[in-house]
Amino acid sequence: MTDKRIGVIDDHSHCREAIATLLRSAGFVAEGFANANELMGARALSEWHCVLVDLRLHNDSGRRVADQLQQLRSDLPVIILTAHISTHDVLSSFAHRMLSKSCTADELITAIEHCTRS
């Protein structure tokens, strides 16, 4: 069991809830949000250990959200998730990893554990 708090930003409720449920089953404290404003309004940014962000949000860019979060808190690990990885998707300079939404549960959990090591 871990007390690491993970935020999941995805505008598709079924995706964010599935990911948050998976992370909770792995022992993380996970919460899902439709956008960055919801995440930042839920609790202080200092309380998050890692944030997962969908690359293609309905009214925003996951890359822009990752950059915004990192400007506010430079030590916050941000992992971008996408169903649309292509050679045109350049990793944000502030994101730690980019993973396909089709990655395995183990790959996602390993990426989070790697990013949140103290």
PDB file of N, CA and C in Angstrom:
ATOM      1  N   MET A   1       0.844  -1.181   0.000  1.00  0.00           N
ATOM      2  CA  MET A   1       0.000   0.000   0.000  1.00  0.00           C
ATOM      3  C   MET A   1       0.890   1.245   0.000  1.00  0.00           C
ATOM      4  N   THR A   2       0.473   2.250  -0.759  1.00  0.00           N
ATOM      5  CA  THR A   2       1.228   3.496  -0.842  1.00  0.00           C
ATOM      6  C   THR A   2       0.294   4.657  -0.525  1.00  0.00           C
ATOM      7  N   ASP A   3       0.849   5.738  -0.077  1.00  0.00           N
ATOM      8  CA  ASP A   3       0.031   6.920   0.166  1.00  0.00           C
ATOM      9  C   ASP A   3       0.235   7.955  -0.934  1.00  0.00           C
ATOM     10  N   LYS A   4       0.798   7.539  -2.053  1.00  0.00           N
ATOM     11  CA  LYS A   4       1.070   8.464  -3.149  1.00  0.00           C
ATOM     12  C   LYS A   4      -0.229   8.854  -3.838  1.00  0.00           C
ATOM     13  N   ARG A   5      -0.449  10.164  -3.932  1.00  0.00           N
ATOM     14  CA  ARG A   5      -1.675  10.711  -4.516  1.00  0.00           C
ATOM     15  C   ARG A   5      -1.429  10.999  -6.008  1.00  0.00           C
ATOM     16  N   ILE A   6      -2.237  10.373  -6.848  1.00  0.00           N
ATOM     17  CA  ILE A   6      -2.101  10.489  -8.297  1.00  0.00           C
ATOM     18  C   ILE A   6      -3.355  11.148  -8.866  1.00  0.00           C
ATOM     19  N   GLY A   7      -3.175  12.194  -9.659  1.00  0.00           N
ATOM     20  CA  GLY A   7      -4.279  12.848 -10.344  1.00  0.00           C
ATOM     21  C   GLY A   7      -4.372  12.348 -11.773  1.00  0.00           C
ATOM     22  N   VAL A   8      -5.584  12.158 -12.247  1.00  0.00           N
ATOM     23  CA  VAL A   8      -5.816  11.692 -13.618  1.00  0.00           C
ATOM     24  C   VAL A   8      -6.690  12.736 -14.309  1.00  0.00           C
ATOM     25  N   ILE A   9      -6.140  13.416 -15.324  1.00  0.00           N
ATOM     26  CA  ILE A   9      -6.901  14.407 -16.077  1.00  0.00           C
ATOM     27  C   ILE A   9      -7.230  13.828 -17.447  1.00  0.00           C
ATOM     28  N   ASP A  10      -8.512  13.608 -17.672  1.00  0.00           N
ATOM     29  CA  ASP A  10      -9.003  13.085 -18.952  1.00  0.00           C
ATOM     30  C   ASP A  10     -10.441  13.562 -19.111  1.00  0.00           C
ATOM     31  N   ASP A  11     -10.777  14.112 -20.267  1.00  0.00           N
ATOM     32  CA  ASP A  11     -12.122  14.634 -20.462  1.00  0.00           C
ATOM     33  C   ASP A  11     -13.160  13.539 -20.718  1.00  0.00           C
ATOM     34  N   HIS A  12     -12.723  12.318 -20.934  1.00  0.00           N
ATOM     35  CA  HIS A  12     -13.643  11.182 -21.092  1.00  0.00           C
ATOM     36  C   HIS A  12     -13.794  10.501 -19.733  1.00  0.00           C
ATOM     37  N   SER A  13     -14.978  10.609 -19.156  1.00  0.00           N
ATOM     38  CA  SER A  13     -15.191  10.121 -17.788  1.00  0.00           C
ATOM     39  C   SER A  13     -14.901   8.632 -17.647  1.00  0.00           C
ATOM     40  N   HIS A  14     -15.252   7.843 -18.660  1.00  0.00           N
ATOM     41  CA  HIS A  14     -15.001   6.402 -18.547  1.00  0.00           C
ATOM     42  C   HIS A  14     -13.508   6.089 -18.524  1.00  0.00           C
ATOM     43  N   CYS A  15     -12.705   6.846 -19.256  1.00  0.00           N
ATOM     44  CA  CYS A  15     -11.246   6.629 -19.251  1.00  0.00           C
ATOM     45  C   CYS A  15     -10.641   7.028 -17.917  1.00  0.00           C
ATOM     46  N   ARG A  16     -10.969   8.231 -17.438  1.00  0.00           N
ATOM     47  CA  ARG A  16     -10.359   8.692 -16.185  1.00  0.00           C
ATOM     48  C   ARG A  16     -10.774   7.825 -15.012  1.00  0.00           C
ATOM     49  N   GLU A  17     -12.030   7.372 -14.991  1.00  0.00           N
ATOM     50  CA  GLU A  17     -12.469   6.528 -13.878  1.00  0.00           C
ATOM     51  C   GLU A  17     -11.848   5.138 -13.955  1.00  0.00           C
ATOM     52  N   ALA A  18     -11.680   4.602 -15.163  1.00  0.00           N
ATOM     53  CA  ALA A  18     -11.031   3.292 -15.306  1.00  0.00           C
ATOM     54  C   ALA A  18      -9.573   3.361 -14.843  1.00  0.00           C
ATOM     55  N   ILE A  19      -8.879   4.417 -15.224  1.00  0.00           N
ATOM     56  CA  ILE A  19      -7.478   4.571 -14.823  1.00  0.00           C
ATOM     57  C   ILE A  19      -7.377   4.790 -13.312  1.00  0.00           C
ATOM     58  N   ALA A  20      -8.243   5.647 -12.761  1.00  0.00           N
ATOM     59  CA  ALA A  20      -8.215   5.904 -11.319  1.00  0.00           C
ATOM     60  C   ALA A  20      -8.529   4.629 -10.536  1.00  0.00           C
ATOM     61  N   THR A  21      -9.482   3.848 -11.018  1.00  0.00           N
ATOM     62  CA  THR A  21      -9.830   2.581 -10.351  1.00  0.00           C
ATOM     63  C   THR A  21      -8.652   1.618 -10.382  1.00  0.00           C
ATOM     64  N   LEU A  22      -7.994   1.510 -11.526  1.00  0.00           N
ATOM     65  CA  LEU A  22      -6.811   0.656 -11.649  1.00  0.00           C
ATOM     66  C   LEU A  22      -5.736   1.092 -10.654  1.00  0.00           C
ATOM     67  N   LEU A  23      -5.488   2.395 -10.577  1.00  0.00           N
ATOM     68  CA  LEU A  23      -4.446   2.886  -9.673  1.00  0.00           C
ATOM     69  C   LEU A  23      -4.808   2.648  -8.216  1.00  0.00           C
ATOM     70  N   ARG A  24      -6.075   2.824  -7.877  1.00  0.00           N
ATOM     71  CA  ARG A  24      -6.503   2.538  -6.497  1.00  0.00           C
ATOM     72  C   ARG A  24      -6.315   1.056  -6.176  1.00  0.00           C
ATOM     73  N   SER A  25      -6.602   0.184  -7.149  1.00  0.00           N
ATOM     74  CA  SER A  25      -6.421  -1.252  -6.905  1.00  0.00           C
ATOM     75  C   SER A  25      -4.952  -1.614  -6.730  1.00  0.00           C
ATOM     76  N   ALA A  26      -4.069  -0.762  -7.245  1.00  0.00           N
ATOM     77  CA  ALA A  26      -2.624  -0.977  -7.086  1.00  0.00           C
ATOM     78  C   ALA A  26      -2.089  -0.305  -5.817  1.00  0.00           C
ATOM     79  N   GLY A  27      -2.976   0.329  -5.040  1.00  0.00           N
ATOM     80  CA  GLY A  27      -2.561   0.906  -3.775  1.00  0.00           C
ATOM     81  C   GLY A  27      -2.334   2.404  -3.761  1.00  0.00           C
ATOM     82  N   PHE A  28      -2.527   3.064  -4.896  1.00  0.00           N
ATOM     83  CA  PHE A  28      -2.368   4.513  -4.938  1.00  0.00           C
ATOM     84  C   PHE A  28      -3.650   5.192  -4.468  1.00  0.00           C
ATOM     85  N   VAL A  29      -3.529   6.432  -4.068  1.00  0.00           N
ATOM     86  CA  VAL A  29      -4.690   7.280  -3.810  1.00  0.00           C
ATOM     87  C   VAL A  29      -4.900   8.049  -5.108  1.00  0.00           C
ATOM     88  N   ALA A  30      -5.922   7.698  -5.877  1.00  0.00           N
ATOM     89  CA  ALA A  30      -6.110   8.264  -7.211  1.00  0.00           C
ATOM     90  C   ALA A  30      -7.452   8.980  -7.317  1.00  0.00           C
ATOM     91  N   GLU A  31      -7.432  10.127  -7.994  1.00  0.00           N
ATOM     92  CA  GLU A  31      -8.638  10.904  -8.239  1.00  0.00           C
ATOM     93  C   GLU A  31      -8.659  11.332  -9.695  1.00  0.00           C
ATOM     94  N   GLY A  32      -9.847  11.311 -10.306  1.00  0.00           N
ATOM     95  CA  GLY A  32      -9.995  11.704 -11.696  1.00  0.00           C
ATOM     96  C   GLY A  32     -10.634  13.073 -11.841  1.00  0.00           C
ATOM     97  N   PHE A  33     -10.205  13.797 -12.887  1.00  0.00           N
ATOM     98  CA  PHE A  33     -10.701  15.140 -13.154  1.00  0.00           C
ATOM     99  C   PHE A  33     -10.867  15.343 -14.652  1.00  0.00           C
ATOM    100  N   ALA A  34     -11.853  16.165 -15.027  1.00  0.00           N
ATOM    101  CA  ALA A  34     -12.108  16.440 -16.442  1.00  0.00           C
ATOM    102  C   ALA A  34     -11.129  17.458 -17.016  1.00  0.00           C
ATOM    103  N   ASN A  35     -10.512  18.279 -16.139  1.00  0.00           N
ATOM    104  CA  ASN A  35      -9.575  19.294 -16.617  1.00  0.00           C
ATOM    105  C   ASN A  35      -8.636  19.704 -15.477  1.00  0.00           C
ATOM    106  N   ALA A  36      -7.641  20.500 -15.830  1.00  0.00           N
ATOM    107  CA  ALA A  36      -6.630  20.913 -14.847  1.00  0.00           C
ATOM    108  C   ALA A  36      -7.212  21.805 -13.758  1.00  0.00           C
ATOM    109  N   ASN A  37      -8.199  22.634 -14.098  1.00  0.00           N
ATOM    110  CA  ASN A  37      -8.805  23.506 -13.086  1.00  0.00           C
ATOM    111  C   ASN A  37      -9.465  22.695 -11.983  1.00  0.00           C
ATOM    112  N   GLU A  38     -10.119  21.589 -12.348  1.00  0.00           N
ATOM    113  CA  GLU A  38     -10.731  20.721 -11.334  1.00  0.00           C
ATOM    114  C   GLU A  38      -9.662  20.135 -10.418  1.00  0.00           C
ATOM    115  N   LEU A  39      -8.563  19.665 -10.994  1.00  0.00           N
ATOM    116  CA  LEU A  39      -7.477  19.092 -10.195  1.00  0.00           C
ATOM    117  C   LEU A  39      -6.918  20.119  -9.231  1.00  0.00           C
ATOM    118  N   MET A  40      -6.635  21.317  -9.736  1.00  0.00           N
ATOM    119  CA  MET A  40      -6.026  22.348  -8.889  1.00  0.00           C
ATOM    120  C   MET A  40      -7.013  22.885  -7.852  1.00  0.00           C
ATOM    121  N   GLY A  41      -8.305  22.779  -8.128  1.00  0.00           N
ATOM    122  CA  GLY A  41      -9.305  23.221  -7.167  1.00  0.00           C
ATOM    123  C   GLY A  41      -9.604  22.192  -6.095  1.00  0.00           C
ATOM    124  N   ALA A  42      -9.238  20.936  -6.332  1.00  0.00           N
ATOM    125  CA  ALA A  42      -9.554  19.855  -5.393  1.00  0.00           C
ATOM    126  C   ALA A  42      -8.669  19.880  -4.157  1.00  0.00           C
ATOM    127  N   ARG A  43      -7.416  20.234  -4.333  1.00  0.00           N
ATOM    128  CA  ARG A  43      -6.468  20.261  -3.214  1.00  0.00           C
ATOM    129  C   ARG A  43      -5.222  21.014  -3.670  1.00  0.00           C
ATOM    130  N   ALA A  44      -4.358  21.331  -2.723  1.00  0.00           N
ATOM    131  CA  ALA A  44      -3.132  22.058  -3.044  1.00  0.00           C
ATOM    132  C   ALA A  44      -2.263  21.236  -3.997  1.00  0.00           C
ATOM    133  N   LEU A  45      -1.626  21.903  -4.925  1.00  0.00           N
ATOM    134  CA  LEU A  45      -0.760  21.223  -5.896  1.00  0.00           C
ATOM    135  C   LEU A  45       0.357  20.447  -5.199  1.00  0.00           C
ATOM    136  N   SER A  46       0.760  20.893  -4.028  1.00  0.00           N
ATOM    137  CA  SER A  46       1.825  20.217  -3.279  1.00  0.00           C
ATOM    138  C   SER A  46       1.413  18.832  -2.782  1.00  0.00           C
ATOM    139  N   GLU A  47       0.128  18.530  -2.771  1.00  0.00           N
ATOM    140  CA  GLU A  47      -0.349  17.235  -2.287  1.00  0.00           C
ATOM    141  C   GLU A  47      -0.271  16.126  -3.341  1.00  0.00           C
ATOM    142  N   TRP A  48      -0.053  16.479  -4.589  1.00  0.00           N
ATOM    143  CA  TRP A  48       0.006  15.474  -5.657  1.00  0.00           C
ATOM    144  C   TRP A  48       1.420  14.921  -5.782  1.00  0.00           C
ATOM    145  N   HIS A  49       1.525  13.609  -6.006  1.00  0.00           N
ATOM    146  CA  HIS A  49       2.823  12.967  -6.222  1.00  0.00           C
ATOM    147  C   HIS A  49       3.103  12.773  -7.705  1.00  0.00           C
ATOM    148  N   CYS A  50       2.045  12.719  -8.520  1.00  0.00           N
ATOM    149  CA  CYS A  50       2.179  12.541  -9.966  1.00  0.00           C
ATOM    150  C   CYS A  50       0.825  12.871 -10.587  1.00  0.00           C
ATOM    151  N   VAL A  51       0.850  13.390 -11.812  1.00  0.00           N
ATOM    152  CA  VAL A  51      -0.392  13.662 -12.534  1.00  0.00           C
ATOM    153  C   VAL A  51      -0.292  13.030 -13.916  1.00  0.00           C
ATOM    154  N   LEU A  52      -1.347  12.302 -14.287  1.00  0.00           N
ATOM    155  CA  LEU A  52      -1.481  11.735 -15.625  1.00  0.00           C
ATOM    156  C   LEU A  52      -2.400  12.661 -16.419  1.00  0.00           C
ATOM    157  N   VAL A  53      -1.997  13.019 -17.630  1.00  0.00           N
ATOM    158  CA  VAL A  53      -2.769  13.966 -18.432  1.00  0.00           C
ATOM    159  C   VAL A  53      -2.998  13.386 -19.826  1.00  0.00           C
ATOM    160  N   ASP A  54      -4.257  13.389 -20.258  1.00  0.00           N
ATOM    161  CA  ASP A  54      -4.589  12.985 -21.619  1.00  0.00           C
ATOM    162  C   ASP A  54      -4.028  14.030 -22.586  1.00  0.00           C
ATOM    163  N   LEU A  55      -3.384  13.599 -23.655  1.00  0.00           N
ATOM    164  CA  LEU A  55      -2.781  14.518 -24.617  1.00  0.00           C
ATOM    165  C   LEU A  55      -3.833  15.367 -25.320  1.00  0.00           C
ATOM    166  N   ARG A  56      -4.946  14.761 -25.676  1.00  0.00           N
ATOM    167  CA  ARG A  56      -5.970  15.463 -26.456  1.00  0.00           C
ATOM    168  C   ARG A  56      -7.229  15.663 -25.618  1.00  0.00           C
ATOM    169  N   LEU A  57      -7.232  16.751 -24.875  1.00  0.00           N
ATOM    170  CA  LEU A  57      -8.400  17.125 -24.089  1.00  0.00           C
ATOM    171  C   LEU A  57      -9.368  17.894 -24.979  1.00  0.00           C
ATOM    172  N   HIS A  58     -10.652  17.852 -24.635  1.00  0.00           N
ATOM    173  CA  HIS A  58     -11.682  18.479 -25.470  1.00  0.00           C
ATOM    174  C   HIS A  58     -11.435  19.972 -25.691  1.00  0.00           C
ATOM    175  N   ASN A  59     -11.197  20.711 -24.635  1.00  0.00           N
ATOM    176  CA  ASN A  59     -11.022  22.158 -24.742  1.00  0.00           C
ATOM    177  C   ASN A  59      -9.615  22.621 -24.395  1.00  0.00           C
ATOM    178  N   ASP A  60      -8.653  21.721 -24.466  1.00  0.00           N
ATOM    179  CA  ASP A  60      -7.302  22.080 -24.049  1.00  0.00           C
ATOM    180  C   ASP A  60      -6.305  21.104 -24.660  1.00  0.00           C
ATOM    181  N   SER A  61      -5.048  21.393 -24.475  1.00  0.00           N
ATOM    182  CA  SER A  61      -3.965  20.516 -24.919  1.00  0.00           C
ATOM    183  C   SER A  61      -3.297  19.913 -23.689  1.00  0.00           C
ATOM    184  N   GLY A  62      -3.148  18.594 -23.677  1.00  0.00           N
ATOM    185  CA  GLY A  62      -2.453  17.940 -22.572  1.00  0.00           C
ATOM    186  C   GLY A  62      -1.035  18.443 -22.430  1.00  0.00           C
ATOM    187  N   ARG A  63      -0.419  18.773 -23.543  1.00  0.00           N
ATOM    188  CA  ARG A  63       0.945  19.301 -23.523  1.00  0.00           C
ATOM    189  C   ARG A  63       0.964  20.650 -22.792  1.00  0.00           C
ATOM    190  N   ARG A  64      -0.032  21.499 -23.066  1.00  0.00           N
ATOM    191  CA  ARG A  64      -0.106  22.798 -22.406  1.00  0.00           C
ATOM    192  C   ARG A  64      -0.378  22.625 -20.907  1.00  0.00           C
ATOM    193  N   VAL A  65      -1.252  21.680 -20.564  1.00  0.00           N
ATOM    194  CA  VAL A  65      -1.556  21.407 -19.160  1.00  0.00           C
ATOM    195  C   VAL A  65      -0.298  20.927 -18.434  1.00  0.00           C
ATOM    196  N   ALA A  66       0.448  20.023 -19.056  1.00  0.00           N
ATOM    197  CA  ALA A  66       1.695  19.525 -18.454  1.00  0.00           C
ATOM    198  C   ALA A  66       2.668  20.679 -18.216  1.00  0.00           C
ATOM    199  N   ASP A  67       2.803  21.547 -19.193  1.00  0.00           N
ATOM    200  CA  ASP A  67       3.696  22.701 -19.051  1.00  0.00           C
ATOM    201  C   ASP A  67       3.226  23.619 -17.922  1.00  0.00           C
ATOM    202  N   GLN A  68       1.904  23.851 -17.854  1.00  0.00           N
ATOM    203  CA  GLN A  68       1.346  24.709 -16.811  1.00  0.00           C
ATOM    204  C   GLN A  68       1.606  24.124 -15.417  1.00  0.00           C
ATOM    205  N   LEU A  69       1.351  22.838 -15.258  1.00  0.00           N
ATOM    206  CA  LEU A  69       1.572  22.191 -13.965  1.00  0.00           C
ATOM    207  C   LEU A  69       3.039  22.271 -13.557  1.00  0.00           C
ATOM    208  N   GLN A  70       3.929  22.065 -14.508  1.00  0.00           N
ATOM    209  CA  GLN A  70       5.361  22.090 -14.203  1.00  0.00           C
ATOM    210  C   GLN A  70       5.853  23.496 -13.900  1.00  0.00           C
ATOM    211  N   GLN A  71       5.253  24.505 -14.509  1.00  0.00           N
ATOM    212  CA  GLN A  71       5.630  25.879 -14.189  1.00  0.00           C
ATOM    213  C   GLN A  71       5.197  26.237 -12.777  1.00  0.00           C
ATOM    214  N   LEU A  72       4.072  25.671 -12.340  1.00  0.00           N
ATOM    215  CA  LEU A  72       3.581  25.933 -10.993  1.00  0.00           C
ATOM    216  C   LEU A  72       4.337  25.124  -9.938  1.00  0.00           C
ATOM    217  N   ARG A  73       4.766  23.925 -10.326  1.00  0.00           N
ATOM    218  CA  ARG A  73       5.489  23.049  -9.393  1.00  0.00           C
ATOM    219  C   ARG A  73       6.467  22.188 -10.187  1.00  0.00           C
ATOM    220  N   SER A  74       7.695  22.624 -10.264  1.00  0.00           N
ATOM    221  CA  SER A  74       8.689  22.005 -11.147  1.00  0.00           C
ATOM    222  C   SER A  74       9.058  20.578 -10.775  1.00  0.00           C
ATOM    223  N   ASP A  75       8.827  20.166  -9.524  1.00  0.00           N
ATOM    224  CA  ASP A  75       9.186  18.799  -9.126  1.00  0.00           C
ATOM    225  C   ASP A  75       8.033  17.814  -9.275  1.00  0.00           C
ATOM    226  N   LEU A  76       6.911  18.241  -9.848  1.00  0.00           N
ATOM    227  CA  LEU A  76       5.746  17.372 -10.007  1.00  0.00           C
ATOM    228  C   LEU A  76       5.892  16.508 -11.257  1.00  0.00           C
ATOM    229  N   PRO A  77       5.968  15.182 -11.103  1.00  0.00           N
ATOM    230  CA  PRO A  77       6.032  14.318 -12.280  1.00  0.00           C
ATOM    231  C   PRO A  77       4.702  14.339 -13.041  1.00  0.00           C
ATOM    232  N   VAL A  78       4.801  14.526 -14.347  1.00  0.00           N
ATOM    233  CA  VAL A  78       3.627  14.527 -15.219  1.00  0.00           C
ATOM    234  C   VAL A  78       3.847  13.477 -16.302  1.00  0.00           C
ATOM    235  N   ILE A  79       2.863  12.606 -16.462  1.00  0.00           N
ATOM    236  CA  ILE A  79       2.907  11.577 -17.504  1.00  0.00           C
ATOM    237  C   ILE A  79       1.769  11.857 -18.463  1.00  0.00           C
ATOM    238  N   ILE A  80       2.090  11.978 -19.745  1.00  0.00           N
ATOM    239  CA  ILE A  80       1.066  12.209 -20.763  1.00  0.00           C
ATOM    240  C   ILE A  80       0.603  10.865 -21.301  1.00  0.00           C
ATOM    241  N   LEU A  81      -0.717  10.699 -21.351  1.00  0.00           N
ATOM    242  CA  LEU A  81      -1.335   9.498 -21.917  1.00  0.00           C
ATOM    243  C   LEU A  81      -2.033   9.876 -23.211  1.00  0.00           C
ATOM    244  N   THR A  82      -1.939   9.011 -24.214  1.00  0.00           N
ATOM    245  CA  THR A  82      -2.605   9.298 -25.473  1.00  0.00           C
ATOM    246  C   THR A  82      -2.985   8.022 -26.198  1.00  0.00           C
ATOM    247  N   ALA A  83      -4.078   8.108 -26.916  1.00  0.00           N
ATOM    248  CA  ALA A  83      -4.493   7.011 -27.791  1.00  0.00           C
ATOM    249  C   ALA A  83      -3.961   7.247 -29.193  1.00  0.00           C
ATOM    250  N   HIS A  84      -3.274   8.354 -29.386  1.00  0.00           N
ATOM    251  CA  HIS A  84      -2.886   8.790 -30.735  1.00  0.00           C
ATOM    252  C   HIS A  84      -1.399   9.068 -30.867  1.00  0.00           C
ATOM    253  N   ILE A  85      -0.541   8.201 -30.362  1.00  0.00           N
ATOM    254  CA  ILE A  85       0.901   8.442 -30.477  1.00  0.00           C
ATOM    255  C   ILE A  85       1.306   8.375 -31.944  1.00  0.00           C
ATOM    256  N   SER A  86       2.015   9.397 -32.376  1.00  0.00           N
ATOM    257  CA  SER A  86       2.549   9.430 -33.732  1.00  0.00           C
ATOM    258  C   SER A  86       3.891  10.127 -33.700  1.00  0.00           C
ATOM    259  N   THR A  87       4.561  10.134 -34.823  1.00  0.00           N
ATOM    260  CA  THR A  87       5.860  10.795 -34.882  1.00  0.00           C
ATOM    261  C   THR A  87       5.703  12.310 -34.735  1.00  0.00           C
ATOM    262  N   HIS A  88       4.485  12.826 -34.900  1.00  0.00           N
ATOM    263  CA  HIS A  88       4.255  14.262 -34.754  1.00  0.00           C
ATOM    264  C   HIS A  88       4.032  14.675 -33.301  1.00  0.00           C
ATOM    265  N   ASP A  89       3.787  13.703 -32.431  1.00  0.00           N
ATOM    266  CA  ASP A  89       3.572  14.009 -31.017  1.00  0.00           C
ATOM    267  C   ASP A  89       4.918  14.154 -30.330  1.00  0.00           C
ATOM    268  N   VAL A  90       5.287  15.387 -30.089  1.00  0.00           N
ATOM    269  CA  VAL A  90       6.550  15.670 -29.420  1.00  0.00           C
ATOM    270  C   VAL A  90       6.259  15.790 -27.936  1.00  0.00           C
ATOM    271  N   LEU A  91       7.041  15.104 -27.151  1.00  0.00           N
ATOM    272  CA  LEU A  91       6.868  15.124 -25.702  1.00  0.00           C
ATOM    273  C   LEU A  91       7.084  16.538 -25.181  1.00  0.00           C
ATOM    274  N   SER A  92       6.186  16.978 -24.343  1.00  0.00           N
ATOM    275  CA  SER A  92       6.320  18.283 -23.691  1.00  0.00           C
ATOM    276  C   SER A  92       7.664  18.338 -22.984  1.00  0.00           C
ATOM    277  N   SER A  93       8.273  19.497 -22.984  1.00  0.00           N
ATOM    278  CA  SER A  93       9.568  19.628 -22.307  1.00  0.00           C
ATOM    279  C   SER A  93       9.430  19.407 -20.806  1.00  0.00           C
ATOM    280  N   PHE A  94       8.194  19.483 -20.287  1.00  0.00           N
ATOM    281  CA  PHE A  94       7.986  19.336 -18.858  1.00  0.00           C
ATOM    282  C   PHE A  94       7.431  17.970 -18.469  1.00  0.00           C
ATOM    283  N   ALA A  95       6.971  17.179 -19.415  1.00  0.00           N
ATOM    284  CA  ALA A  95       6.413  15.865 -19.081  1.00  0.00           C
ATOM    285  C   ALA A  95       7.548  14.864 -18.891  1.00  0.00           C
ATOM    286  N   HIS A  96       7.340  13.926 -17.978  1.00  0.00           N
ATOM    287  CA  HIS A  96       8.352  12.921 -17.696  1.00  0.00           C
ATOM    288  C   HIS A  96       8.283  11.737 -18.645  1.00  0.00           C
ATOM    289  N   ARG A  97       7.074  11.380 -19.067  1.00  0.00           N
ATOM    290  CA  ARG A  97       6.888  10.228 -19.955  1.00  0.00           C
ATOM    291  C   ARG A  97       5.672  10.466 -20.823  1.00  0.00           C
ATOM    292  N   MET A  98       5.610   9.764 -21.940  1.00  0.00           N
ATOM    293  CA  MET A  98       4.400   9.691 -22.751  1.00  0.00           C
ATOM    294  C   MET A  98       4.103   8.211 -22.936  1.00  0.00           C
ATOM    295  N   LEU A  99       2.891   7.815 -22.592  1.00  0.00           N
ATOM    296  CA  LEU A  99       2.480   6.423 -22.721  1.00  0.00           C
ATOM    297  C   LEU A  99       1.225   6.333 -23.569  1.00  0.00           C
ATOM    298  N   SER A 100       1.114   5.252 -24.297  1.00  0.00           N
ATOM    299  CA  SER A 100      -0.111   4.976 -25.027  1.00  0.00           C
ATOM    300  C   SER A 100      -1.185   4.550 -24.042  1.00  0.00           C
ATOM    301  N   LYS A 101      -2.435   4.937 -24.319  1.00  0.00           N
ATOM    302  CA  LYS A 101      -3.531   4.491 -23.457  1.00  0.00           C
ATOM    303  C   LYS A 101      -3.712   2.979 -23.546  1.00  0.00           C
ATOM    304  N   SER A 102      -3.113   2.365 -24.544  1.00  0.00           N
ATOM    305  CA  SER A 102      -3.194   0.907 -24.660  1.00  0.00           C
ATOM    306  C   SER A 102      -2.052   0.205 -23.924  1.00  0.00           C
ATOM    307  N   CYS A 103      -1.271   0.958 -23.127  1.00  0.00           N
ATOM    308  CA  CYS A 103      -0.196   0.332 -22.357  1.00  0.00           C
ATOM    309  C   CYS A 103      -0.808  -0.618 -21.334  1.00  0.00           C
ATOM    310  N   THR A 104      -0.017  -1.537 -20.861  1.00  0.00           N
ATOM    311  CA  THR A 104      -0.511  -2.480 -19.857  1.00  0.00           C
ATOM    312  C   THR A 104      -0.584  -1.796 -18.491  1.00  0.00           C
ATOM    313  N   ALA A 105      -1.345  -2.391 -17.596  1.00  0.00           N
ATOM    314  CA  ALA A 105      -1.431  -1.874 -16.225  1.00  0.00           C
ATOM    315  C   ALA A 105      -0.047  -1.847 -15.591  1.00  0.00           C
ATOM    316  N   ASP A 106       0.738  -2.891 -15.815  1.00  0.00           N
ATOM    317  CA  ASP A 106       2.091  -2.955 -15.248  1.00  0.00           C
ATOM    318  C   ASP A 106       2.974  -1.825 -15.780  1.00  0.00           C
ATOM    319  N   GLU A 107       2.869  -1.531 -17.074  1.00  0.00           N
ATOM    320  CA  GLU A 107       3.669  -0.441 -17.649  1.00  0.00           C
ATOM    321  C   GLU A 107       3.301   0.901 -17.024  1.00  0.00           C
ATOM    322  N   LEU A 108       2.013   1.141 -16.842  1.00  0.00           N
ATOM    323  CA  LEU A 108       1.563   2.393 -16.245  1.00  0.00           C
ATOM    324  C   LEU A 108       2.024   2.502 -14.801  1.00  0.00           C
ATOM    325  N   ILE A 109       1.821   1.458 -14.036  1.00  0.00           N
ATOM    326  CA  ILE A 109       2.212   1.467 -12.619  1.00  0.00           C
ATOM    327  C   ILE A 109       3.723   1.617 -12.473  1.00  0.00           C
ATOM    328  N   THR A 110       4.488   0.932 -13.313  1.00  0.00           N
ATOM    329  CA  THR A 110       5.948   1.048 -13.283  1.00  0.00           C
ATOM    330  C   THR A 110       6.388   2.473 -13.599  1.00  0.00           C
ATOM    331  N   ALA A 111       5.746   3.095 -14.585  1.00  0.00           N
ATOM    332  CA  ALA A 111       6.094   4.478 -14.943  1.00  0.00           C
ATOM    333  C   ALA A 111       5.820   5.418 -13.771  1.00  0.00           C
ATOM    334  N   ILE A 112       4.683   5.239 -13.113  1.00  0.00           N
ATOM    335  CA  ILE A 112       4.345   6.084 -11.960  1.00  0.00           C
ATOM    336  C   ILE A 112       5.325   5.842 -10.822  1.00  0.00           C
ATOM    337  N   GLU A 113       5.612   4.587 -10.524  1.00  0.00           N
ATOM    338  CA  GLU A 113       6.558   4.274  -9.446  1.00  0.00           C
ATOM    339  C   GLU A 113       7.929   4.870  -9.738  1.00  0.00           C
ATOM    340  N   HIS A 114       8.364   4.789 -10.995  1.00  0.00           N
ATOM    341  CA  HIS A 114       9.666   5.341 -11.376  1.00  0.00           C
ATOM    342  C   HIS A 114       9.672   6.870 -11.175  1.00  0.00           C
ATOM    343  N   CYS A 115       8.602   7.538 -11.575  1.00  0.00           N
ATOM    344  CA  CYS A 115       8.532   8.997 -11.468  1.00  0.00           C
ATOM    345  C   CYS A 115       8.381   9.500 -10.047  1.00  0.00           C
ATOM    346  N   THR A 116       7.859   8.657  -9.174  1.00  0.00           N
ATOM    347  CA  THR A 116       7.566   9.110  -7.806  1.00  0.00           C
ATOM    348  C   THR A 116       8.551   8.597  -6.760  1.00  0.00           C
ATOM    349  N   ARG A 117       9.621   7.984  -7.196  1.00  0.00           N
ATOM    350  CA  ARG A 117      10.619   7.517  -6.220  1.00  0.00           C
ATOM    351  C   ARG A 117      11.175   8.686  -5.452  1.00  0.00           C
ATOM    352  N   SER A 118      11.247   8.524  -4.162  1.00  0.00           N
ATOM    353  CA  SER A 118      11.762   9.619  -3.315  1.00  0.00           C
ATOM    354  C   SER A 118      13.257   9.584  -3.236  1.00  0.00           C
TER     355      SER A 118
END
